[in-house]
């Protein structure tokens, strides 16, 4: 998935990824 996020969205996604135990790199590339 090639989607650009702004800093705030990226921070939220990384936080959710860590909370869910997902590899952040898989979501934000």
Protein backbone atom coordinates (compact mmCIF):
# COMPACT_ATOMS: atom_id res chain seq x y z
CA UNK A 1 0.00 0.00 0.00
CA UNK A 2 1.60 3.23 -1.14
CA UNK A 3 -0.15 5.97 0.76
CA UNK A 4 1.41 9.19 2.02
CA UNK A 5 0.49 10.27 5.52
CA UNK A 6 1.14 13.54 7.26
CA UNK A 7 3.16 13.51 10.49
CA UNK A 8 0.16 13.39 12.80
CA UNK A 9 -1.43 10.49 10.93
CA UNK A 10 1.90 8.67 10.77
CA UNK A 11 2.39 9.02 14.53
CA UNK A 12 -1.10 7.65 15.16
CA UNK A 13 -0.62 4.74 12.77
CA UNK A 14 2.71 3.81 14.32
CA UNK A 15 1.18 3.95 17.79
CA UNK A 16 -1.72 1.74 16.72
CA UNK A 17 0.66 -0.63 14.97
CA UNK A 18 2.74 -1.05 18.12
CA UNK A 19 -0.40 -1.47 20.22
CA UNK A 20 -1.70 -4.18 17.90
CA UNK A 21 1.71 -5.84 17.65
CA UNK A 22 1.99 -5.19 13.92
CA UNK A 23 5.18 -4.34 12.11
CA UNK A 24 4.97 -0.54 11.49
CA UNK A 25 7.03 -0.94 8.31
CA UNK A 26 4.22 -3.03 6.85
CA UNK A 27 1.81 -0.12 7.22
CA UNK A 28 4.01 2.93 6.64
CA UNK A 29 6.57 2.54 3.90
